[in-house]
């Protein structure tokens, strides 16, 4: 899926490494952020 201009980023809920969950973009607040997804070993 590709975002177009003025289109809102979809909400993603992802597990944190240390436990719990992170909601993106909600937990980023009003600042810029970088999120890395590591697939691990398949």
N, C-alpha and C. Protein backbone atom coordinates (compact mmCIF):
# COMPACT_ATOMS: atom_id res chain seq x y z
N UNK A 1 0.84 -1.16 0.00
CA UNK A 1 0.00 0.00 0.00
C UNK A 1 0.89 1.24 0.00
N UNK A 2 0.56 2.19 -0.80
CA UNK A 2 1.33 3.43 -0.89
C UNK A 2 0.45 4.60 -0.42
N UNK A 3 1.01 5.45 0.43
CA UNK A 3 0.27 6.61 0.91
C UNK A 3 0.37 7.74 -0.09
N UNK A 4 -0.72 8.44 -0.26
CA UNK A 4 -0.76 9.61 -1.13
C UNK A 4 -0.64 10.87 -0.27
N UNK A 5 -0.43 12.01 -0.89
CA UNK A 5 -0.35 13.28 -0.17
C UNK A 5 -1.60 13.49 0.67
N UNK A 6 -1.42 13.97 1.88
CA UNK A 6 -2.49 14.27 2.83
C UNK A 6 -3.24 13.04 3.33
N UNK A 7 -2.77 11.85 3.03
CA UNK A 7 -3.40 10.63 3.53
C UNK A 7 -2.79 10.29 4.88
N UNK A 8 -3.63 9.92 5.85
CA UNK A 8 -3.17 9.62 7.19
C UNK A 8 -2.54 8.23 7.25
N UNK A 9 -1.44 8.11 8.02
CA UNK A 9 -0.77 6.83 8.22
C UNK A 9 -1.71 5.87 8.94
N UNK A 10 -1.80 4.62 8.50
CA UNK A 10 -2.69 3.65 9.17
C UNK A 10 -2.16 3.30 10.56
N UNK A 11 -3.05 2.95 11.45
CA UNK A 11 -2.66 2.56 12.81
C UNK A 11 -2.12 1.14 12.80
N UNK A 12 -0.96 0.97 13.43
CA UNK A 12 -0.32 -0.34 13.55
C UNK A 12 -0.06 -0.61 15.03
N UNK A 13 -0.41 -1.78 15.50
CA UNK A 13 -0.10 -2.20 16.87
C UNK A 13 0.97 -3.29 16.77
N UNK A 14 2.14 -3.03 17.39
CA UNK A 14 3.26 -3.96 17.29
C UNK A 14 3.77 -4.32 18.68
N UNK A 15 4.21 -5.58 18.87
CA UNK A 15 4.75 -5.97 20.18
C UNK A 15 6.13 -5.34 20.40
N UNK A 16 6.41 -4.94 21.64
CA UNK A 16 7.73 -4.41 22.00
C UNK A 16 8.63 -5.58 22.40
N UNK A 17 9.92 -5.42 22.18
CA UNK A 17 10.89 -6.47 22.50
C UNK A 17 10.84 -6.81 23.99
N UNK A 18 10.74 -5.81 24.86
CA UNK A 18 10.73 -6.04 26.30
C UNK A 18 9.37 -6.37 26.88
N UNK A 19 8.35 -6.48 26.03
CA UNK A 19 7.00 -6.78 26.48
C UNK A 19 6.07 -5.59 26.26
N UNK A 20 4.82 -5.84 26.18
CA UNK A 20 3.84 -4.78 25.93
C UNK A 20 3.66 -4.54 24.44
N UNK A 21 2.95 -3.49 24.13
CA UNK A 21 2.67 -3.15 22.73
C UNK A 21 2.93 -1.68 22.47
N UNK A 22 3.18 -1.36 21.22
CA UNK A 22 3.36 0.02 20.79
C UNK A 22 2.36 0.29 19.68
N UNK A 23 1.65 1.40 19.78
CA UNK A 23 0.70 1.81 18.75
C UNK A 23 1.35 2.91 17.92
N UNK A 24 1.44 2.67 16.64
CA UNK A 24 2.06 3.62 15.72
C UNK A 24 0.95 4.18 14.83
N UNK A 25 0.78 5.45 14.67
CA UNK A 25 1.65 6.55 15.09
C UNK A 25 1.29 7.13 16.46
N UNK A 26 0.30 6.61 17.17
CA UNK A 26 -0.16 7.20 18.42
C UNK A 26 0.92 7.39 19.47
N UNK A 27 1.79 6.40 19.67
CA UNK A 27 2.82 6.49 20.71
C UNK A 27 3.99 7.39 20.31
N UNK A 28 4.04 7.83 19.07
CA UNK A 28 5.12 8.73 18.66
C UNK A 28 4.83 10.18 19.03
N UNK A 29 3.60 10.49 19.37
CA UNK A 29 3.25 11.87 19.71
C UNK A 29 3.25 12.75 18.47
N UNK A 30 3.65 13.99 18.65
CA UNK A 30 3.65 14.94 17.54
C UNK A 30 5.03 15.12 16.93
N UNK A 31 5.92 14.18 17.15
CA UNK A 31 7.28 14.32 16.62
C UNK A 31 7.56 13.27 15.54
N UNK A 32 8.64 13.48 14.84
CA UNK A 32 9.08 12.52 13.83
C UNK A 32 9.65 11.29 14.51
N UNK A 33 9.60 10.17 13.86
CA UNK A 33 10.16 8.95 14.42
C UNK A 33 10.57 7.98 13.34
N UNK A 34 11.41 7.03 13.71
CA UNK A 34 11.85 5.97 12.81
C UNK A 34 11.49 4.65 13.47
N UNK A 35 10.84 3.77 12.73
CA UNK A 35 10.46 2.46 13.24
C UNK A 35 11.13 1.41 12.37
N UNK A 36 11.88 0.52 13.00
CA UNK A 36 12.57 -0.55 12.28
C UNK A 36 11.86 -1.88 12.56
N UNK A 37 11.58 -2.61 11.49
CA UNK A 37 10.98 -3.94 11.62
C UNK A 37 12.04 -4.96 11.25
N UNK A 38 12.34 -5.87 12.16
CA UNK A 38 13.33 -6.91 11.94
C UNK A 38 12.60 -8.24 11.87
N UNK A 39 12.73 -8.93 10.77
CA UNK A 39 11.98 -10.16 10.59
C UNK A 39 12.58 -11.34 11.33
N UNK A 40 13.81 -11.20 11.79
CA UNK A 40 14.46 -12.32 12.49
C UNK A 40 14.91 -13.39 11.50
N UNK A 41 15.08 -14.60 11.99
CA UNK A 41 15.54 -15.71 11.15
C UNK A 41 14.34 -16.52 10.68
N UNK A 42 14.25 -16.73 9.39
CA UNK A 42 13.17 -17.53 8.82
C UNK A 42 13.70 -18.83 8.33
